[in-house]
Amino acid sequence: MTLHQPRTTRRLGSIACVAACLACGVRAHAHGFGERYDLPVPLWLWIGAAAAAVILSFVLMGGFVTWRLSGTAYPRFILLRFRIARALTSALFRRVVQSFSAVLLVLVVAAGLFGDQTPTRNLAPTFIWIVWWVGFAYLSALVGNVWTFVNPWEALFITYETLSKRALHTSPEIRRRRWPLWLGVWPAAMLFFVFAWVELVYDGRSIPSHLAWLCIGYSALTWAGMFVFGRTVWLRNADPFANAFGAFARFSVTEARPREWNLRPFGVGLLDPRDVTPSMVVFVLLLLSTVTFDGFSATPLWGRLQDALYSALPGSGNARLTFIGSAGLAVFAGGFVAIYALIARAIAVAGRREIESGAVARLFVLSLVPIAIAYHLAHYFTYLLIQGQLVIRLASDPFGFGWDLFGTARHPSDIGIVGARFAWYVAVVAIVIGHVVAVSVAHIIALREYSNRRVALRSQVPMLILMVVYTMVGLWIIAQPIVETR
């Protein structure tokens, strides 16, 4: 018997329930999309064509691209020459934005603690999982590192520092400790794994009060870390979200430098691996493995494996499911690290050992960031469009008390805004483009780092194999809850 629905299936099913409550009983079918999409050709042809596109991109890059970009020398368009850009980057505008984000943080925590505990009637779950996590991931990847501009925890700590300096007539920086170099971003990686566990495994992830207390705990840890090590040092090394959004922003079309704000080509920020450490390698792999596990948890294969393990394990139902989910997440994370280590070793051998495998891992890991962005689009874009509509209603009634502050409390949600066909094509396009960009970035890095073009091309064969296999597996995972297969 089926004991437990996978997380993504439950999520999409809950979307249908939400819409039914808000839109006068509209009936929803498979996974909240309506009918599953019946592919015009067999799934294996789609998977094969996507793999062929990745191979073709490698052939074209190898045959025609000979650039040796340094990672820092690329075309830039200076935005600060325009008055509006100077206004958007001014200290006054930043203080206004950070004040607003700090108020939102307090509102979300208050709603979680004191509001209606029905997830769809409380602002906290929708804001945290949709507006913040999904929304800022897309903003970071496509626009730039917006998070550094609006981070409410940083804003509140800056306020504390300012008030302390005025009250004590001294800077609190004198109490700061030096960050151990060997520690790298391992704290950020560990905290990101905990965050992924809450999102993908923890059965209280949609309960407003649970989310509020998790927010309070994270706030206390963050402010304590900033107090001990310094705000900038903590954000750079230990904050999981500053690192996650920062990794996505390396792909984006804008860059912020000291006294600069520039437009640049997409993806060029991935060509500079100077600050990549072994811990950052693991962090990027965590970004990729956790979103892949999220997709895999919606497949029938995971359901069968889950049912088999459930029957074999002792303990209560919830404890067994939590253990199975936790083990699955850990296996995916460890598996991605192990596979990438093997690929790095293979690249080193194929490149005639001009670069040792540890350096190879650091050089090429940023080329995987476009794939992580692509899988975020494939997994969460339709989720954002459908369940994100709840924000309109919750803006007027964040606590679920029956308020109508802005006249939107009865705004209906339209689950028909997208369907399974739309979700499938978004997934296919995102995954193929993500892998093609990844192949291109890796090729340009190889041309720069290896002694000649022939060795560079040889070194990229193991990476190509990884990209092709991951494209095929990724599309198969995405297809399971969306398309009708025969």
Protein backbone atom coordinates (compact mmCIF):
# COMPACT_ATOMS: atom_id res chain seq x y z
CA MET A 1 0.00 0.00 0.00
CA THR A 2 1.07 3.60 -0.46
CA LEU A 3 1.97 5.06 2.90
CA HIS A 4 3.19 8.53 2.08
CA GLN A 5 2.93 10.93 -0.80
CA PRO A 6 6.21 12.47 -1.98
CA ARG A 7 6.78 16.06 -0.93
CA THR A 8 6.41 17.69 -4.35
CA THR A 9 3.25 15.73 -5.05
CA ARG A 10 1.81 16.80 -1.71
CA ARG A 11 2.82 20.37 -2.42
CA LEU A 12 1.11 20.46 -5.81
CA GLY A 13 -1.89 18.67 -4.37
CA SER A 14 -2.12 21.29 -1.64
CA ILE A 15 -2.16 23.96 -4.32
CA ALA A 16 -5.30 22.39 -5.71
CA CYS A 17 -6.87 22.36 -2.25
CA VAL A 18 -6.00 25.99 -1.68
CA ALA A 19 -7.49 26.99 -4.98
CA ALA A 20 -10.61 24.96 -4.27
CA CYS A 21 -11.13 26.86 -1.04
CA LEU A 22 -10.51 30.22 -2.67
CA ALA A 23 -12.12 29.72 -6.07
CA CYS A 24 -15.48 28.14 -5.26
CA GLY A 25 -14.65 24.49 -5.56
CA VAL A 26 -12.73 24.23 -8.81
CA ARG A 27 -11.87 20.57 -9.23
CA ALA A 28 -8.13 19.83 -9.65
CA HIS A 29 -6.64 16.75 -11.20
CA ALA A 30 -3.15 15.28 -11.14
CA HIS A 31 -0.69 17.30 -9.05
CA GLY A 32 -2.63 20.51 -9.19
CA PHE A 33 -2.14 21.10 -12.92
CA GLY A 34 -5.27 19.48 -14.31
CA GLU A 35 -4.75 16.47 -16.58
CA ARG A 36 -1.20 15.20 -16.99
CA TYR A 37 0.45 16.21 -20.23
CA ASP A 38 0.41 13.53 -22.92
CA LEU A 39 3.69 13.91 -24.80
CA PRO A 40 3.39 13.94 -28.62
CA VAL A 41 6.44 11.61 -28.82
CA PRO A 42 7.80 9.08 -26.31
CA LEU A 43 9.68 10.40 -23.29
CA TRP A 44 12.89 8.68 -24.31
CA LEU A 45 13.01 10.77 -27.48
CA TRP A 46 12.78 13.97 -25.43
CA ILE A 47 15.57 12.75 -23.16
CA GLY A 48 17.70 11.69 -26.10
CA ALA A 49 17.19 14.99 -27.90
CA ALA A 50 18.15 16.95 -24.77
CA ALA A 51 21.32 14.88 -24.37
CA ALA A 52 22.11 15.41 -28.07
CA ALA A 53 21.73 19.18 -27.63
CA VAL A 54 24.30 19.14 -24.82
CA ILE A 55 26.72 17.06 -26.91
CA LEU A 56 26.22 19.37 -29.90
CA SER A 57 26.99 22.41 -27.74
CA PHE A 58 30.27 20.76 -26.68
CA VAL A 59 31.18 20.05 -30.31
CA LEU A 60 30.42 23.63 -31.36
CA MET A 61 32.33 25.11 -28.42
CA GLY A 62 35.29 22.86 -29.12
CA GLY A 63 35.30 23.66 -32.81
CA PHE A 64 34.76 27.41 -32.80
CA VAL A 65 35.43 28.95 -29.38
CA THR A 66 39.04 29.76 -28.58
CA TRP A 67 38.60 32.55 -26.01
CA ARG A 68 41.01 32.71 -23.09
CA LEU A 69 39.05 34.95 -20.76
CA SER A 70 40.79 35.87 -17.52
CA GLY A 71 37.67 35.80 -15.39
CA THR A 72 37.93 39.50 -14.62
CA ALA A 73 38.38 41.09 -18.07
CA TYR A 74 35.03 41.18 -19.83
CA PRO A 75 32.71 43.85 -21.26
CA ARG A 76 31.04 46.08 -18.65
CA PHE A 77 28.47 48.82 -18.93
CA ILE A 78 28.70 51.35 -16.10
CA LEU A 79 25.24 51.95 -14.65
CA LEU A 80 26.24 54.65 -12.18
CA ARG A 81 26.50 57.17 -15.00
CA PHE A 82 22.69 57.36 -14.80
CA ARG A 83 20.94 59.33 -12.08
CA ILE A 84 18.36 56.61 -11.38
CA ALA A 85 21.13 54.06 -10.80
CA ARG A 86 22.86 56.40 -8.38
CA ALA A 87 19.55 56.89 -6.55
CA LEU A 88 18.97 53.12 -6.33
CA THR A 89 22.41 52.55 -4.83
CA SER A 90 22.36 55.52 -2.46
CA ALA A 91 22.69 55.02 1.28
CA LEU A 92 19.28 56.62 1.85
CA PHE A 93 17.47 54.25 -0.51
CA ARG A 94 19.25 51.26 1.00
CA ARG A 95 18.22 52.32 4.51
CA VAL A 96 14.60 52.62 3.37
CA VAL A 97 14.65 49.18 1.73
CA GLN A 98 16.36 47.51 4.67
CA SER A 99 13.93 49.13 7.11
CA PHE A 100 11.04 47.75 5.10
CA SER A 101 12.61 44.27 5.00
CA ALA A 102 13.20 44.38 8.77
CA VAL A 103 9.53 45.25 9.32
CA LEU A 104 8.57 42.34 7.07
CA LEU A 105 10.76 39.97 9.09
CA VAL A 106 9.06 41.06 12.32
CA LEU A 107 5.64 40.74 10.66
CA VAL A 108 6.34 37.21 9.40
CA VAL A 109 7.55 36.05 12.82
CA ALA A 110 4.59 37.69 14.57
CA ALA A 111 2.14 36.14 12.11
CA GLY A 112 3.71 32.74 12.69
CA LEU A 113 3.55 33.04 16.47
CA PHE A 114 0.17 34.71 16.96
CA GLY A 115 -1.79 34.19 13.74
CA ASP A 116 -4.12 31.46 12.52
CA GLN A 117 -2.13 28.21 12.30
CA THR A 118 -3.78 27.12 9.06
CA PRO A 119 -0.88 27.37 6.56
CA THR A 120 -2.93 28.96 3.79
CA ARG A 121 -4.39 31.59 6.15
CA ASN A 122 -1.05 32.70 7.59
CA LEU A 123 1.57 34.84 5.87
CA ALA A 124 4.60 32.98 7.27
CA PRO A 125 4.65 29.77 5.16
CA THR A 126 3.80 31.50 1.88
CA PHE A 127 6.24 34.35 2.41
CA ILE A 128 9.14 32.16 3.55
CA TRP A 129 8.88 29.38 0.99
CA ILE A 130 7.58 31.30 -2.04
CA VAL A 131 8.36 35.01 -1.86
CA TRP A 132 11.67 34.71 -0.06
CA TRP A 133 13.36 31.41 -0.95
CA VAL A 134 12.03 30.89 -4.49
CA GLY A 135 11.67 34.56 -5.36
CA PHE A 136 15.11 35.69 -4.21
CA ALA A 137 16.77 32.71 -5.88
CA TYR A 138 15.36 33.88 -9.23
CA LEU A 139 16.15 37.54 -8.55
CA SER A 140 19.72 36.66 -7.63
CA ALA A 141 20.26 34.53 -10.74
CA LEU A 142 18.67 36.90 -13.24
CA VAL A 143 19.09 40.41 -11.78
CA GLY A 144 21.94 40.40 -9.29
CA ASN A 145 22.77 39.91 -5.64
CA VAL A 146 19.69 41.74 -4.35
CA TRP A 147 19.91 39.90 -1.03
CA THR A 148 22.96 41.87 0.10
CA PHE A 149 20.88 45.01 -0.38
CA VAL A 150 17.79 43.94 1.58
CA ASN A 151 19.06 41.43 4.16
CA PRO A 152 16.95 42.28 7.27
CA TRP A 153 19.30 40.50 9.72
CA GLU A 154 22.19 42.60 8.49
CA ALA A 155 20.04 45.74 8.62
CA LEU A 156 19.02 45.15 12.24
CA PHE A 157 22.60 44.39 13.26
CA ILE A 158 23.82 47.59 11.58
CA THR A 159 21.24 49.44 13.67
CA TYR A 160 22.61 47.78 16.80
CA GLU A 161 26.18 48.72 15.86
CA THR A 162 25.20 52.32 15.21
CA LEU A 163 23.33 52.66 18.51
CA SER A 164 26.14 50.95 20.44
CA LYS A 165 28.74 53.23 18.95
CA ARG A 166 26.72 56.31 19.87
CA ALA A 167 25.96 55.08 23.37
CA LEU A 168 29.44 53.81 24.23
CA HIS A 169 31.38 56.30 22.10
CA THR A 170 33.44 53.40 20.75
CA SER A 171 33.22 50.85 17.98
CA PRO A 172 32.12 47.30 18.91
CA GLU A 173 34.60 45.99 16.31
CA ILE A 174 37.31 45.79 19.00
CA ARG A 175 35.62 42.71 20.43
CA ARG A 176 35.64 40.76 17.16
CA ARG A 177 37.58 37.51 16.76
CA ARG A 178 39.48 36.43 13.67
CA TRP A 179 37.76 33.83 11.47
CA PRO A 180 39.93 30.67 11.19
CA LEU A 181 41.05 30.25 7.58
CA TRP A 182 40.71 26.46 7.78
CA LEU A 183 37.02 26.86 8.60
CA GLY A 184 36.18 28.34 5.20
CA VAL A 185 32.44 28.29 4.51
CA TRP A 186 31.85 24.96 6.21
CA PRO A 187 29.44 26.57 8.72
CA ALA A 188 27.39 27.96 5.82
CA ALA A 189 27.36 24.53 4.15
CA MET A 190 26.21 22.81 7.34
CA LEU A 191 23.50 25.40 7.98
CA PHE A 192 22.32 25.13 4.38
CA PHE A 193 21.98 21.36 4.79
CA VAL A 194 19.86 21.98 7.91
CA PHE A 195 17.73 24.44 5.95
CA ALA A 196 17.29 21.91 3.14
CA TRP A 197 16.28 19.29 5.70
CA VAL A 198 13.61 21.63 7.09
CA GLU A 199 12.32 22.36 3.59
CA LEU A 200 12.35 18.80 2.24
CA VAL A 201 12.00 16.46 5.23
CA TYR A 202 10.67 18.19 8.36
CA ASP A 203 6.92 17.56 8.64
CA GLY A 204 6.34 20.88 10.45
CA ARG A 205 7.68 23.01 7.59
CA SER A 206 4.23 24.44 6.81
CA ILE A 207 3.15 25.10 10.42
CA PRO A 208 3.41 28.86 11.01
CA SER A 209 4.50 28.70 14.65
CA HIS A 210 7.24 26.18 13.85
CA LEU A 211 8.58 28.42 11.11
CA ALA A 212 8.48 31.44 13.43
CA TRP A 213 10.53 29.69 16.10
CA LEU A 214 13.01 28.49 13.49
CA CYS A 215 13.30 32.12 12.33
CA ILE A 216 13.94 33.25 15.89
CA GLY A 217 16.61 30.58 16.38
CA TYR A 218 18.32 31.49 13.11
CA SER A 219 18.20 35.18 14.05
CA ALA A 220 19.83 34.53 17.42
CA LEU A 221 22.59 32.45 15.82
CA THR A 222 23.20 35.01 13.07
CA TRP A 223 23.41 38.00 15.40
CA ALA A 224 25.61 36.11 17.85
CA GLY A 225 27.96 35.17 15.01
CA MET A 226 28.05 38.76 13.74
CA PHE A 227 28.78 40.00 17.26
CA VAL A 228 31.68 37.57 17.76
CA PHE A 229 33.29 37.58 14.30
CA GLY A 230 31.97 40.73 12.67
CA ARG A 231 29.06 41.29 10.34
CA THR A 232 30.90 41.01 7.03
CA VAL A 233 32.99 38.01 8.06
CA TRP A 234 29.97 36.08 9.31
CA LEU A 235 27.90 36.76 6.20
CA ARG A 236 30.75 35.76 3.91
CA ASN A 237 31.64 32.51 5.69
CA ALA A 238 28.77 31.27 7.84
CA ASP A 239 25.50 32.60 6.45
CA PRO A 240 23.88 29.96 4.19
CA PHE A 241 21.58 32.37 2.37
CA ALA A 242 24.21 35.01 1.65
CA ASN A 243 26.29 32.22 0.12
CA ALA A 244 23.41 30.62 -1.78
CA PHE A 245 22.08 33.85 -3.28
CA GLY A 246 25.66 34.98 -3.88
CA ALA A 247 26.42 31.80 -5.84
CA PHE A 248 23.33 32.31 -8.00
CA ALA A 249 24.24 35.98 -8.49
CA ARG A 250 27.56 35.03 -10.09
CA PHE A 251 25.47 34.12 -13.14
CA SER A 252 23.47 37.35 -13.15
CA VAL A 253 23.62 40.29 -15.51
CA THR A 254 24.78 42.85 -12.92
CA GLU A 255 27.77 43.09 -10.64
CA ALA A 256 28.48 45.29 -7.65
CA ARG A 257 32.05 46.38 -6.98
CA PRO A 258 33.42 49.03 -4.62
CA ARG A 259 31.83 52.25 -5.86
CA GLU A 260 30.66 50.46 -9.04
CA TRP A 261 27.47 48.91 -10.37
CA ASN A 262 27.78 47.43 -13.83
CA LEU A 263 25.95 45.42 -16.46
CA ARG A 264 27.86 42.41 -17.75
CA PRO A 265 27.19 39.34 -19.93
CA PHE A 266 25.29 36.53 -18.23
CA GLY A 267 27.55 33.87 -16.74
CA VAL A 268 30.89 35.69 -16.78
CA GLY A 269 30.89 35.86 -12.99
CA LEU A 270 31.33 32.08 -13.00
CA LEU A 271 34.71 32.33 -14.73
CA ASP A 272 36.55 33.64 -11.68
CA PRO A 273 37.30 30.82 -9.19
CA ARG A 274 39.88 32.72 -7.11
CA ASP A 275 37.79 32.69 -3.92
CA VAL A 276 36.55 29.10 -4.33
CA THR A 277 37.69 26.86 -1.47
CA PRO A 278 37.02 23.14 -0.86
CA SER A 279 34.16 24.11 1.45
CA MET A 280 32.66 26.29 -1.31
CA VAL A 281 32.87 23.30 -3.66
CA VAL A 282 30.74 21.31 -1.23
CA PHE A 283 28.34 24.23 -0.81
CA VAL A 284 27.68 24.46 -4.56
CA LEU A 285 27.16 20.70 -4.74
CA LEU A 286 24.65 20.98 -1.88
CA LEU A 287 22.69 23.57 -3.90
CA LEU A 288 22.46 21.08 -6.73
CA SER A 289 21.89 17.88 -4.76
CA THR A 290 19.09 19.20 -2.55
CA VAL A 291 16.93 20.47 -5.41
CA THR A 292 17.54 17.18 -7.27
CA PHE A 293 16.44 15.22 -4.22
CA ASP A 294 13.30 17.35 -4.07
CA GLY A 295 12.46 16.29 -7.62
CA PHE A 296 13.37 12.65 -7.01
CA SER A 297 11.07 12.52 -3.99
CA ALA A 298 8.12 12.98 -6.40
CA THR A 299 8.92 9.88 -8.49
CA PRO A 300 7.26 6.46 -8.19
CA LEU A 301 10.72 4.95 -7.67
CA TRP A 302 11.18 6.95 -4.46
CA GLY A 303 7.66 6.02 -3.38
CA ARG A 304 8.41 2.30 -3.75
CA LEU A 305 11.73 2.67 -1.96
CA GLN A 306 10.07 4.63 0.80
CA ASP A 307 7.35 2.01 1.28
CA ALA A 308 9.93 -0.80 1.43
CA LEU A 309 12.04 1.01 4.02
CA TYR A 310 8.96 1.99 6.01
CA SER A 311 8.01 -1.67 6.44
CA ALA A 312 11.54 -2.66 7.42
CA LEU A 313 12.16 0.02 10.03
CA PRO A 314 10.91 0.04 13.64
CA GLY A 315 9.25 3.00 15.34
CA SER A 316 6.24 5.22 14.75
CA GLY A 317 5.09 6.38 11.34
CA ASN A 318 6.32 9.95 11.47
CA ALA A 319 9.70 8.96 12.92
CA ARG A 320 10.24 6.38 10.20
CA LEU A 321 9.30 8.81 7.43
CA THR A 322 11.59 11.47 8.88
CA PHE A 323 14.47 9.00 9.09
CA ILE A 324 13.92 7.83 5.50
CA GLY A 325 13.75 11.39 4.19
CA SER A 326 16.83 12.42 6.16
CA ALA A 327 18.79 9.42 4.94
CA GLY A 328 17.74 10.09 1.35
CA LEU A 329 18.82 13.73 1.56
CA ALA A 330 22.17 12.79 3.11
CA VAL A 331 22.80 10.08 0.50
CA PHE A 332 22.08 12.52 -2.33
CA ALA A 333 24.42 15.13 -0.84
CA GLY A 334 27.21 12.65 -0.21
CA GLY A 335 26.68 11.01 -3.60
CA PHE A 336 26.99 14.31 -5.45
CA VAL A 337 30.23 15.13 -3.63
CA ALA A 338 31.67 11.68 -4.34
CA ILE A 339 30.70 11.72 -8.03
CA TYR A 340 32.12 15.20 -8.53
CA ALA A 341 35.37 14.14 -6.85
CA LEU A 342 35.63 11.24 -9.30
CA ILE A 343 34.92 13.54 -12.24
CA ALA A 344 37.57 15.99 -11.02
CA ARG A 345 40.08 13.16 -10.84
CA ALA A 346 39.11 12.03 -14.35
CA ILE A 347 39.51 15.60 -15.67
CA ALA A 348 42.97 15.77 -14.09
CA VAL A 349 43.99 12.50 -15.77
CA ALA A 350 42.50 13.50 -19.14
CA GLY A 351 44.35 16.82 -18.89
CA ARG A 352 47.69 15.00 -18.52
CA ARG A 353 47.81 16.00 -14.85
CA GLU A 354 48.72 19.58 -15.68
CA ILE A 355 46.36 20.48 -12.82
CA GLU A 356 45.87 18.25 -9.78
CA SER A 357 42.38 16.99 -8.98
CA GLY A 358 41.78 19.25 -5.96
CA ALA A 359 42.50 22.35 -8.02
CA VAL A 360 40.33 20.96 -10.84
CA ALA A 361 37.41 20.62 -8.44
CA ARG A 362 37.76 24.26 -7.38
CA LEU A 363 38.23 25.53 -10.95
CA PHE A 364 35.16 23.91 -12.47
CA VAL A 365 32.58 23.74 -9.67
CA LEU A 366 31.11 27.15 -10.55
CA SER A 367 30.24 25.79 -13.99
CA LEU A 368 27.57 23.73 -12.19
CA VAL A 369 25.77 26.84 -10.91
CA PRO A 370 23.73 27.29 -14.15
CA ILE A 371 22.45 23.74 -13.67
CA ALA A 372 21.37 24.54 -10.11
CA ILE A 373 19.53 27.61 -11.42
CA ALA A 374 17.93 25.54 -14.17
CA TYR A 375 16.64 22.96 -11.71
CA HIS A 376 15.24 25.68 -9.48
CA LEU A 377 13.31 26.97 -12.50
CA ALA A 378 12.19 23.48 -13.49
CA HIS A 379 11.03 22.55 -9.99
CA TYR A 380 9.65 25.77 -8.55
CA PHE A 381 8.56 28.14 -11.31
CA THR A 382 5.02 26.77 -11.64
CA TYR A 383 4.84 26.56 -7.84
CA LEU A 384 5.66 30.28 -7.71
CA LEU A 385 3.02 31.15 -10.32
CA ILE A 386 0.24 29.08 -8.72
CA GLN A 387 0.67 29.20 -4.97
CA GLY A 388 2.39 32.58 -5.10
CA GLN A 389 -1.04 34.06 -5.79
CA LEU A 390 -1.81 33.55 -2.10
CA VAL A 391 0.43 36.52 -1.31
CA ILE A 392 -2.18 38.88 -2.77
CA ARG A 393 -4.79 37.70 -0.29
CA LEU A 394 -2.42 37.38 2.65
CA ALA A 395 -1.15 40.94 2.19
CA SER A 396 -4.55 42.11 3.45
CA ASP A 397 -4.88 39.47 6.17
CA PRO A 398 -1.40 38.27 7.24
CA PHE A 399 -2.57 36.83 10.58
CA GLY A 400 -5.72 35.14 9.28
CA PHE A 401 -7.90 37.26 11.57
CA GLY A 402 -10.39 38.22 8.88
CA TRP A 403 -8.84 41.59 8.08
CA ASP A 404 -9.01 43.25 4.67
CA LEU A 405 -6.35 45.96 4.89
CA PHE A 406 -5.88 46.53 1.15
CA GLY A 407 -9.12 45.14 -0.23
CA THR A 408 -7.51 41.92 -1.51
CA ALA A 409 -8.53 39.46 1.22
CA ARG A 410 -11.00 37.72 -1.09
CA HIS A 411 -8.79 37.71 -4.16
CA PRO A 412 -9.37 34.37 -5.96
CA SER A 413 -6.46 32.11 -6.92
CA ASP A 414 -6.43 30.75 -10.47
CA ILE A 415 -4.83 27.30 -10.59
CA GLY A 416 -5.46 27.24 -14.33
CA ILE A 417 -2.91 29.98 -14.90
CA VAL A 418 -0.46 27.26 -15.95
CA GLY A 419 -0.87 23.60 -16.82
CA ALA A 420 1.21 20.44 -17.05
CA ARG A 421 2.19 21.22 -20.66
CA PHE A 422 3.57 24.61 -19.64
CA ALA A 423 5.43 23.06 -16.68
CA TRP A 424 6.97 20.41 -18.95
CA TYR A 425 8.23 22.84 -21.57
CA VAL A 426 9.63 25.20 -18.94
CA ALA A 427 11.47 22.27 -17.39
CA VAL A 428 12.87 21.03 -20.71
CA VAL A 429 14.04 24.47 -21.85
CA ALA A 430 15.54 25.35 -18.44
CA ILE A 431 17.40 22.06 -18.04
CA VAL A 432 18.81 22.01 -21.57
CA ILE A 433 19.89 25.66 -21.48
CA GLY A 434 21.37 25.22 -18.00
CA HIS A 435 23.52 22.29 -19.12
CA VAL A 436 24.57 23.99 -22.34
CA VAL A 437 25.68 27.07 -20.40
CA ALA A 438 27.51 24.84 -17.91
CA VAL A 439 29.38 23.09 -20.74
CA SER A 440 30.29 26.47 -22.23
CA VAL A 441 31.58 27.90 -18.95
CA ALA A 442 33.64 24.78 -18.25
CA HIS A 443 35.12 24.89 -21.77
CA ILE A 444 36.16 28.54 -21.46
CA ILE A 445 37.79 27.84 -18.07
CA ALA A 446 39.64 24.84 -19.53
CA LEU A 447 40.98 26.92 -22.44
CA ARG A 448 42.34 29.43 -19.94
CA GLU A 449 43.88 26.97 -17.50
CA TYR A 450 45.44 24.31 -19.75
CA SER A 451 48.56 24.73 -21.84
CA ASN A 452 46.93 24.21 -25.24
CA ARG A 453 43.53 23.78 -26.84
CA ARG A 454 43.88 20.04 -27.47
CA VAL A 455 44.59 19.25 -23.83
CA ALA A 456 41.73 21.53 -22.78
CA LEU A 457 39.29 19.65 -25.01
CA ARG A 458 40.46 16.27 -23.75
CA SER A 459 40.08 17.40 -20.17
CA GLN A 460 36.42 18.25 -20.72
CA VAL A 461 35.30 14.81 -21.91
CA PRO A 462 34.60 13.57 -18.34
CA MET A 463 32.66 16.79 -17.64
CA LEU A 464 30.66 16.29 -20.84
CA ILE A 465 29.76 12.75 -19.77
CA LEU A 466 28.59 14.08 -16.41
CA MET A 467 26.49 16.79 -18.08
CA VAL A 468 24.86 14.37 -20.54
CA VAL A 469 23.99 11.81 -17.87
CA TYR A 470 22.68 14.49 -15.52
CA THR A 471 20.55 15.99 -18.31
CA MET A 472 18.93 12.62 -18.98
CA VAL A 473 18.38 11.77 -15.32
CA GLY A 474 17.10 15.26 -14.56
CA LEU A 475 14.52 15.22 -17.34
CA TRP A 476 13.35 11.78 -16.29
CA ILE A 477 12.89 13.02 -12.71
CA ILE A 478 11.02 16.14 -13.82
CA ALA A 479 8.75 14.12 -16.12
CA GLN A 480 7.41 11.75 -13.47
CA PRO A 481 4.72 13.97 -11.85
CA ILE A 482 3.97 15.97 -15.03
CA VAL A 483 3.75 13.87 -18.19
CA GLU A 484 1.62 10.91 -19.15
CA THR A 485 3.87 7.98 -20.04
CA ARG A 486 2.99 4.72 -21.74
